[in-house]
């Protein structure tokens, strides 16, 4: 949903300015990976755990994972946003990945149902 809103804003605010390609431009593939993790990190920030109720900012960990800093990410992101057709395709790939991940981890997927059923059976078995 967030990606759809972001795409709508970007499309409505398009500019014909193409920014200069940064010397240390992050590849499209890596940007897709980074954006995917950024959305996951953003969602995780709002999840409360049993041990902590504080909101943790995972964004620095995403940058650390990819060996980049926020400046390099921002410059690469700005360059790609100036090429709106490419940027839309990249964000669509991010959206597709997130949907695939959601399906994979959804408790209503057949695999999870099987696992859940096996756990129920295990929990009700008599033990010595």
N, C-alpha and C. Protein backbone atom coordinates (compact mmCIF):
# COMPACT_ATOMS: atom_id res chain seq x y z
N UNK A 1 0.83 -1.19 0.00
CA UNK A 1 0.00 0.00 0.00
C UNK A 1 0.87 1.25 0.00
N UNK A 2 1.91 1.25 0.83
CA UNK A 2 2.79 2.41 0.89
C UNK A 2 3.46 2.66 -0.45
N UNK A 3 3.82 1.58 -1.12
CA UNK A 3 4.50 1.72 -2.40
C UNK A 3 3.57 2.33 -3.43
N UNK A 4 2.31 1.93 -3.40
CA UNK A 4 1.33 2.47 -4.35
C UNK A 4 1.19 3.97 -4.14
N UNK A 5 1.11 4.39 -2.88
CA UNK A 5 1.00 5.82 -2.59
C UNK A 5 2.25 6.55 -3.04
N UNK A 6 3.42 5.97 -2.76
CA UNK A 6 4.68 6.57 -3.18
C UNK A 6 4.74 6.70 -4.68
N UNK A 7 4.32 5.66 -5.39
CA UNK A 7 4.32 5.72 -6.86
C UNK A 7 3.38 6.81 -7.36
N UNK A 8 2.22 6.93 -6.75
CA UNK A 8 1.26 7.95 -7.17
C UNK A 8 1.83 9.35 -6.99
N UNK A 9 2.49 9.56 -5.87
CA UNK A 9 3.10 10.87 -5.61
C UNK A 9 4.21 11.14 -6.61
N UNK A 10 5.05 10.15 -6.85
CA UNK A 10 6.16 10.33 -7.78
C UNK A 10 5.68 10.61 -9.20
N UNK A 11 4.66 9.88 -9.63
CA UNK A 11 4.15 10.07 -10.98
C UNK A 11 3.53 11.46 -11.12
N UNK A 12 2.83 11.90 -10.10
CA UNK A 12 2.19 13.21 -10.18
C UNK A 12 3.19 14.36 -10.08
N UNK A 13 4.35 14.09 -9.56
CA UNK A 13 5.35 15.15 -9.36
C UNK A 13 6.56 14.96 -10.27
N UNK A 14 6.37 14.37 -11.41
CA UNK A 14 7.51 14.10 -12.26
C UNK A 14 8.15 15.38 -12.77
N UNK A 15 9.41 15.30 -12.96
CA UNK A 15 10.19 16.40 -13.49
C UNK A 15 11.01 15.85 -14.64
N UNK A 16 11.34 16.69 -15.53
CA UNK A 16 12.16 16.26 -16.68
C UNK A 16 13.65 16.37 -16.37
N UNK A 17 13.99 16.74 -15.15
CA UNK A 17 15.38 16.87 -14.76
C UNK A 17 15.96 15.50 -14.45
N UNK A 18 17.04 15.18 -15.12
CA UNK A 18 17.76 13.94 -14.81
C UNK A 18 19.04 14.38 -14.11
N UNK A 19 19.18 13.91 -12.88
CA UNK A 19 20.34 14.29 -12.09
C UNK A 19 21.58 13.58 -12.58
N UNK A 20 22.71 14.20 -12.30
CA UNK A 20 23.99 13.61 -12.67
C UNK A 20 24.17 12.29 -11.93
N UNK A 21 24.65 11.31 -12.67
CA UNK A 21 24.88 9.99 -12.09
C UNK A 21 26.01 10.08 -11.06
N UNK A 22 25.73 9.67 -9.81
CA UNK A 22 26.79 9.72 -8.79
C UNK A 22 27.93 8.76 -9.14
N UNK A 23 29.13 9.11 -8.71
CA UNK A 23 30.29 8.25 -8.97
C UNK A 23 30.13 6.89 -8.31
N UNK A 24 29.51 6.87 -7.14
CA UNK A 24 29.35 5.62 -6.40
C UNK A 24 27.89 5.17 -6.40
N UNK A 25 27.27 5.24 -7.57
CA UNK A 25 25.86 4.86 -7.72
C UNK A 25 25.64 3.41 -7.30
N UNK A 26 24.60 3.20 -6.52
CA UNK A 26 24.21 1.85 -6.11
C UNK A 26 23.45 1.23 -7.27
N UNK A 27 23.76 0.00 -7.60
CA UNK A 27 23.11 -0.67 -8.72
C UNK A 27 21.60 -0.80 -8.50
N UNK A 28 20.86 -0.93 -9.58
CA UNK A 28 19.40 -1.08 -9.48
C UNK A 28 19.05 -2.31 -8.64
N UNK A 29 19.74 -3.41 -8.88
CA UNK A 29 19.44 -4.64 -8.14
C UNK A 29 19.65 -4.44 -6.64
N UNK A 30 20.75 -3.80 -6.29
CA UNK A 30 21.04 -3.57 -4.87
C UNK A 30 20.04 -2.58 -4.27
N UNK A 31 19.62 -1.58 -5.05
CA UNK A 31 18.63 -0.63 -4.56
C UNK A 31 17.30 -1.33 -4.29
N UNK A 32 16.93 -2.28 -5.14
CA UNK A 32 15.71 -3.05 -4.92
C UNK A 32 15.83 -3.84 -3.62
N UNK A 33 16.99 -4.45 -3.41
CA UNK A 33 17.23 -5.19 -2.16
C UNK A 33 17.14 -4.25 -0.95
N UNK A 34 17.76 -3.09 -1.07
CA UNK A 34 17.77 -2.13 0.04
C UNK A 34 16.36 -1.63 0.34
N UNK A 35 15.63 -1.25 -0.71
CA UNK A 35 14.27 -0.76 -0.50
C UNK A 35 13.38 -1.83 0.13
N UNK A 36 13.56 -3.07 -0.28
CA UNK A 36 12.78 -4.16 0.32
C UNK A 36 13.06 -4.23 1.82
N UNK A 37 14.33 -4.19 2.18
CA UNK A 37 14.70 -4.24 3.60
C UNK A 37 14.26 -2.98 4.35
N UNK A 38 14.26 -1.83 3.69
CA UNK A 38 13.80 -0.59 4.33
C UNK A 38 12.32 -0.69 4.69
N UNK A 39 11.52 -1.23 3.77
CA UNK A 39 10.10 -1.38 4.08
C UNK A 39 9.87 -2.38 5.21
N UNK A 40 10.64 -3.45 5.22
CA UNK A 40 10.52 -4.43 6.31
C UNK A 40 10.96 -3.79 7.62
N UNK A 41 12.05 -3.04 7.59
CA UNK A 41 12.55 -2.37 8.80
C UNK A 41 11.53 -1.34 9.30
N UNK A 42 10.89 -0.65 8.39
CA UNK A 42 9.87 0.33 8.78
C UNK A 42 8.69 -0.34 9.46
N UNK A 43 8.29 -1.48 8.93
CA UNK A 43 7.18 -2.22 9.53
C UNK A 43 7.59 -2.79 10.88
N UNK A 44 8.80 -3.27 10.98
CA UNK A 44 9.28 -3.87 12.23
C UNK A 44 9.40 -2.83 13.34
N UNK A 45 9.63 -1.60 12.97
CA UNK A 45 9.78 -0.53 13.97
C UNK A 45 8.52 -0.40 14.81
N UNK A 46 7.39 -0.70 14.25
CA UNK A 46 6.12 -0.52 14.94
C UNK A 46 5.63 -1.78 15.65
N UNK A 47 6.45 -2.82 15.67
CA UNK A 47 6.07 -4.07 16.33
C UNK A 47 6.61 -4.07 17.76
N UNK A 48 5.71 -4.30 18.69
CA UNK A 48 6.13 -4.40 20.09
C UNK A 48 6.42 -5.86 20.41
N UNK A 49 7.49 -6.09 21.13
CA UNK A 49 7.83 -7.45 21.53
C UNK A 49 7.46 -7.66 22.98
N UNK A 50 7.58 -8.88 23.44
CA UNK A 50 7.27 -9.18 24.84
C UNK A 50 8.26 -8.48 25.78
N UNK A 51 9.50 -8.35 25.34
CA UNK A 51 10.53 -7.83 26.22
C UNK A 51 10.69 -6.31 26.12
N UNK A 52 10.22 -5.71 25.06
CA UNK A 52 10.40 -4.27 24.91
C UNK A 52 9.20 -3.63 24.24
N UNK A 53 8.87 -2.46 24.69
CA UNK A 53 7.78 -1.72 24.07
C UNK A 53 8.31 -0.51 23.33
N UNK A 54 9.63 -0.36 23.32
CA UNK A 54 10.21 0.78 22.64
C UNK A 54 10.25 0.53 21.14
N UNK A 55 10.18 1.57 20.39
CA UNK A 55 10.24 1.45 18.94
C UNK A 55 11.71 1.55 18.52
N UNK A 56 12.17 0.54 17.82
CA UNK A 56 13.56 0.47 17.42
C UNK A 56 13.68 0.88 15.96
N UNK A 57 14.64 1.75 15.67
CA UNK A 57 14.88 2.17 14.29
C UNK A 57 15.91 1.22 13.67
N UNK A 58 15.45 0.39 12.75
CA UNK A 58 16.32 -0.60 12.12
C UNK A 58 17.01 -0.07 10.86
N UNK A 59 16.70 1.14 10.43
CA UNK A 59 17.26 1.68 9.20
C UNK A 59 18.80 1.68 9.19
N UNK A 60 19.46 2.09 10.28
CA UNK A 60 20.93 2.02 10.27
C UNK A 60 21.45 0.60 10.04
N UNK A 61 20.71 -0.40 10.52
CA UNK A 61 21.13 -1.79 10.30
C UNK A 61 21.01 -2.19 8.84
N UNK A 62 20.03 -1.63 8.15
CA UNK A 62 19.89 -1.90 6.71
C UNK A 62 21.10 -1.34 5.98
N UNK A 63 21.46 -0.09 6.28
CA UNK A 63 22.61 0.51 5.63
C UNK A 63 23.89 -0.26 5.95
N UNK A 64 24.01 -0.70 7.19
CA UNK A 64 25.18 -1.49 7.59
C UNK A 64 25.24 -2.81 6.82
N UNK A 65 24.09 -3.45 6.68
CA UNK A 65 24.02 -4.73 5.96
C UNK A 65 24.57 -4.61 4.54
N UNK A 66 24.28 -3.49 3.88
CA UNK A 66 24.70 -3.31 2.50
C UNK A 66 26.00 -2.52 2.36
N UNK A 67 26.60 -2.16 3.49
CA UNK A 67 27.88 -1.45 3.46
C UNK A 67 27.79 -0.08 2.82
N UNK A 68 26.69 0.62 3.09
CA UNK A 68 26.51 1.96 2.54
C UNK A 68 26.17 2.91 3.68
N UNK A 69 26.19 4.20 3.38
CA UNK A 69 25.72 5.18 4.35
C UNK A 69 24.50 5.89 3.78
N UNK A 70 23.85 6.68 4.61
CA UNK A 70 22.61 7.33 4.19
C UNK A 70 22.84 8.33 3.06
N UNK A 71 24.01 8.93 3.00
CA UNK A 71 24.30 9.90 1.94
C UNK A 71 24.38 9.18 0.59
N UNK A 72 25.11 8.09 0.56
CA UNK A 72 25.23 7.33 -0.70
C UNK A 72 23.85 6.83 -1.14
N UNK A 73 23.07 6.34 -0.19
CA UNK A 73 21.72 5.87 -0.53
C UNK A 73 20.89 7.03 -1.07
N UNK A 74 20.91 8.16 -0.41
CA UNK A 74 20.11 9.32 -0.82
C UNK A 74 20.50 9.81 -2.21
N UNK A 75 21.81 9.87 -2.48
CA UNK A 75 22.26 10.32 -3.80
C UNK A 75 21.82 9.35 -4.90
N UNK A 76 21.96 8.06 -4.63
CA UNK A 76 21.53 7.06 -5.61
C UNK A 76 20.02 7.10 -5.79
N UNK A 77 19.31 7.23 -4.69
CA UNK A 77 17.85 7.29 -4.76
C UNK A 77 17.39 8.52 -5.54
N UNK A 78 18.01 9.65 -5.30
CA UNK A 78 17.67 10.88 -6.03
C UNK A 78 17.90 10.71 -7.53
N UNK A 79 19.01 10.09 -7.88
CA UNK A 79 19.30 9.85 -9.30
C UNK A 79 18.22 8.97 -9.93
N UNK A 80 17.86 7.89 -9.24
CA UNK A 80 16.85 6.99 -9.80
C UNK A 80 15.47 7.65 -9.86
N UNK A 81 15.15 8.49 -8.88
CA UNK A 81 13.84 9.17 -8.93
C UNK A 81 13.75 10.13 -10.10
N UNK A 82 14.89 10.60 -10.58
CA UNK A 82 14.86 11.50 -11.74
C UNK A 82 14.63 10.72 -13.03
N UNK A 83 14.76 9.43 -12.96
CA UNK A 83 14.46 8.55 -14.11
C UNK A 83 13.22 7.75 -13.74
N UNK A 84 12.08 8.42 -13.75
CA UNK A 84 10.86 7.91 -13.15
C UNK A 84 10.42 6.56 -13.71
N UNK A 85 10.61 6.31 -14.99
CA UNK A 85 10.20 5.02 -15.56
C UNK A 85 10.99 3.87 -14.93
N UNK A 86 12.30 4.06 -14.80
CA UNK A 86 13.14 3.04 -14.16
C UNK A 86 12.77 2.89 -12.68
N UNK A 87 12.52 4.03 -12.04
CA UNK A 87 12.21 4.01 -10.60
C UNK A 87 10.90 3.27 -10.34
N UNK A 88 9.92 3.52 -11.18
CA UNK A 88 8.64 2.82 -11.02
C UNK A 88 8.82 1.31 -11.17
N UNK A 89 9.63 0.89 -12.13
CA UNK A 89 9.89 -0.54 -12.33
C UNK A 89 10.60 -1.13 -11.10
N UNK A 90 11.53 -0.37 -10.56
CA UNK A 90 12.26 -0.84 -9.37
C UNK A 90 11.29 -1.00 -8.19
N UNK A 91 10.45 0.00 -7.98
CA UNK A 91 9.52 -0.07 -6.85
C UNK A 91 8.47 -1.15 -7.06
N UNK A 92 8.13 -1.42 -8.30
CA UNK A 92 7.19 -2.51 -8.57
C UNK A 92 7.83 -3.85 -8.19
N UNK A 93 9.12 -3.99 -8.46
CA UNK A 93 9.82 -5.22 -8.06
C UNK A 93 9.87 -5.35 -6.54
N UNK A 94 10.08 -4.23 -5.86
CA UNK A 94 10.06 -4.24 -4.39
C UNK A 94 8.68 -4.68 -3.91
N UNK A 95 7.65 -4.10 -4.48
CA UNK A 95 6.28 -4.44 -4.11
C UNK A 95 5.99 -5.92 -4.36
N UNK A 96 6.44 -6.43 -5.50
CA UNK A 96 6.24 -7.85 -5.81
C UNK A 96 6.94 -8.74 -4.79
N UNK A 97 8.14 -8.36 -4.42
CA UNK A 97 8.89 -9.14 -3.41
C UNK A 97 8.17 -9.15 -2.07
N UNK A 98 7.70 -7.97 -1.67
CA UNK A 98 7.02 -7.87 -0.38
C UNK A 98 5.75 -8.70 -0.38
N UNK A 99 5.03 -8.68 -1.48
CA UNK A 99 3.81 -9.51 -1.58
C UNK A 99 4.16 -10.99 -1.50
N UNK A 100 5.23 -11.38 -2.18
CA UNK A 100 5.67 -12.78 -2.14
C UNK A 100 6.07 -13.18 -0.72
N UNK A 101 6.79 -12.30 -0.04
CA UNK A 101 7.20 -12.58 1.34
C UNK A 101 5.98 -12.68 2.25
N UNK A 102 5.02 -11.80 2.04
CA UNK A 102 3.81 -11.83 2.87
C UNK A 102 3.08 -13.15 2.69
N UNK A 103 2.98 -13.60 1.45
CA UNK A 103 2.34 -14.88 1.18
C UNK A 103 3.10 -16.02 1.84
N UNK A 104 4.42 -15.97 1.75
CA UNK A 104 5.24 -17.03 2.30
C UNK A 104 5.10 -17.13 3.82
N UNK A 105 4.97 -15.98 4.49
CA UNK A 105 4.93 -15.97 5.95
C UNK A 105 3.51 -15.84 6.51
N UNK A 106 2.52 -15.83 5.63
CA UNK A 106 1.13 -15.73 6.07
C UNK A 106 0.73 -17.03 6.75
N UNK A 107 0.17 -16.94 7.96
CA UNK A 107 -0.20 -18.18 8.67
C UNK A 107 -1.29 -18.98 7.99
N UNK A 108 -1.98 -18.40 7.02
CA UNK A 108 -3.05 -19.11 6.33
C UNK A 108 -2.57 -19.85 5.08
N UNK A 109 -1.27 -19.80 4.80
CA UNK A 109 -0.77 -20.53 3.65
C UNK A 109 -0.80 -22.02 3.96
N UNK A 110 -0.98 -22.85 2.95
CA UNK A 110 -1.09 -24.30 3.20
C UNK A 110 0.08 -24.87 4.00
N UNK A 111 1.29 -24.47 3.69
CA UNK A 111 2.44 -25.00 4.41
C UNK A 111 2.35 -24.68 5.90
N UNK A 112 2.01 -23.43 6.22
CA UNK A 112 1.89 -23.06 7.62
C UNK A 112 0.74 -23.80 8.29
N UNK A 113 -0.33 -24.04 7.57
CA UNK A 113 -1.46 -24.79 8.13
C UNK A 113 -1.05 -26.21 8.47
N UNK A 114 -0.27 -26.81 7.62
CA UNK A 114 0.21 -28.17 7.86
C UNK A 114 1.11 -28.19 9.09
N UNK A 115 2.00 -27.25 9.17
CA UNK A 115 2.89 -27.17 10.32
C UNK A 115 2.08 -26.96 11.59
N UNK A 116 1.11 -26.04 11.52
CA UNK A 116 0.28 -25.77 12.69
C UNK A 116 -0.49 -27.02 13.12
N UNK A 117 -1.02 -27.77 12.15
CA UNK A 117 -1.76 -28.99 12.44
C UNK A 117 -0.85 -30.04 13.08
N UNK A 118 0.36 -30.16 12.55
CA UNK A 118 1.33 -31.10 13.12
C UNK A 118 1.69 -30.72 14.55
N UNK A 119 1.79 -29.44 14.82
CA UNK A 119 2.10 -28.99 16.17
C UNK A 119 0.96 -29.31 17.12
N UNK A 120 -0.28 -29.11 16.64
CA UNK A 120 -1.45 -29.45 17.48
C UNK A 120 -1.43 -30.92 17.82
N UNK A 121 -1.17 -31.74 16.82
CA UNK A 121 -1.14 -33.19 17.03
C UNK A 121 -0.04 -33.54 18.01
N UNK A 122 1.12 -32.94 17.87
CA UNK A 122 2.23 -33.20 18.77
C UNK A 122 1.87 -32.80 20.20
N UNK A 123 1.22 -31.65 20.34
CA UNK A 123 0.86 -31.16 21.68
C UNK A 123 -0.17 -32.04 22.38
N UNK A 124 -1.01 -32.74 21.62
CA UNK A 124 -2.06 -33.58 22.24
C UNK A 124 -1.63 -35.03 22.43
N UNK A 125 -0.48 -35.41 21.90
CA UNK A 125 -0.01 -36.79 22.06
C UNK A 125 0.36 -37.05 23.52
N UNK A 126 0.07 -38.27 23.94
CA UNK A 126 0.46 -38.65 25.29
C UNK A 126 1.96 -38.91 25.36
N UNK A 127 2.52 -38.41 26.38
CA UNK A 127 3.94 -38.62 26.62
C UNK A 127 4.08 -39.41 27.91
N UNK A 128 5.24 -39.97 28.13
CA UNK A 128 5.38 -40.74 29.35
C UNK A 128 5.21 -39.86 30.51
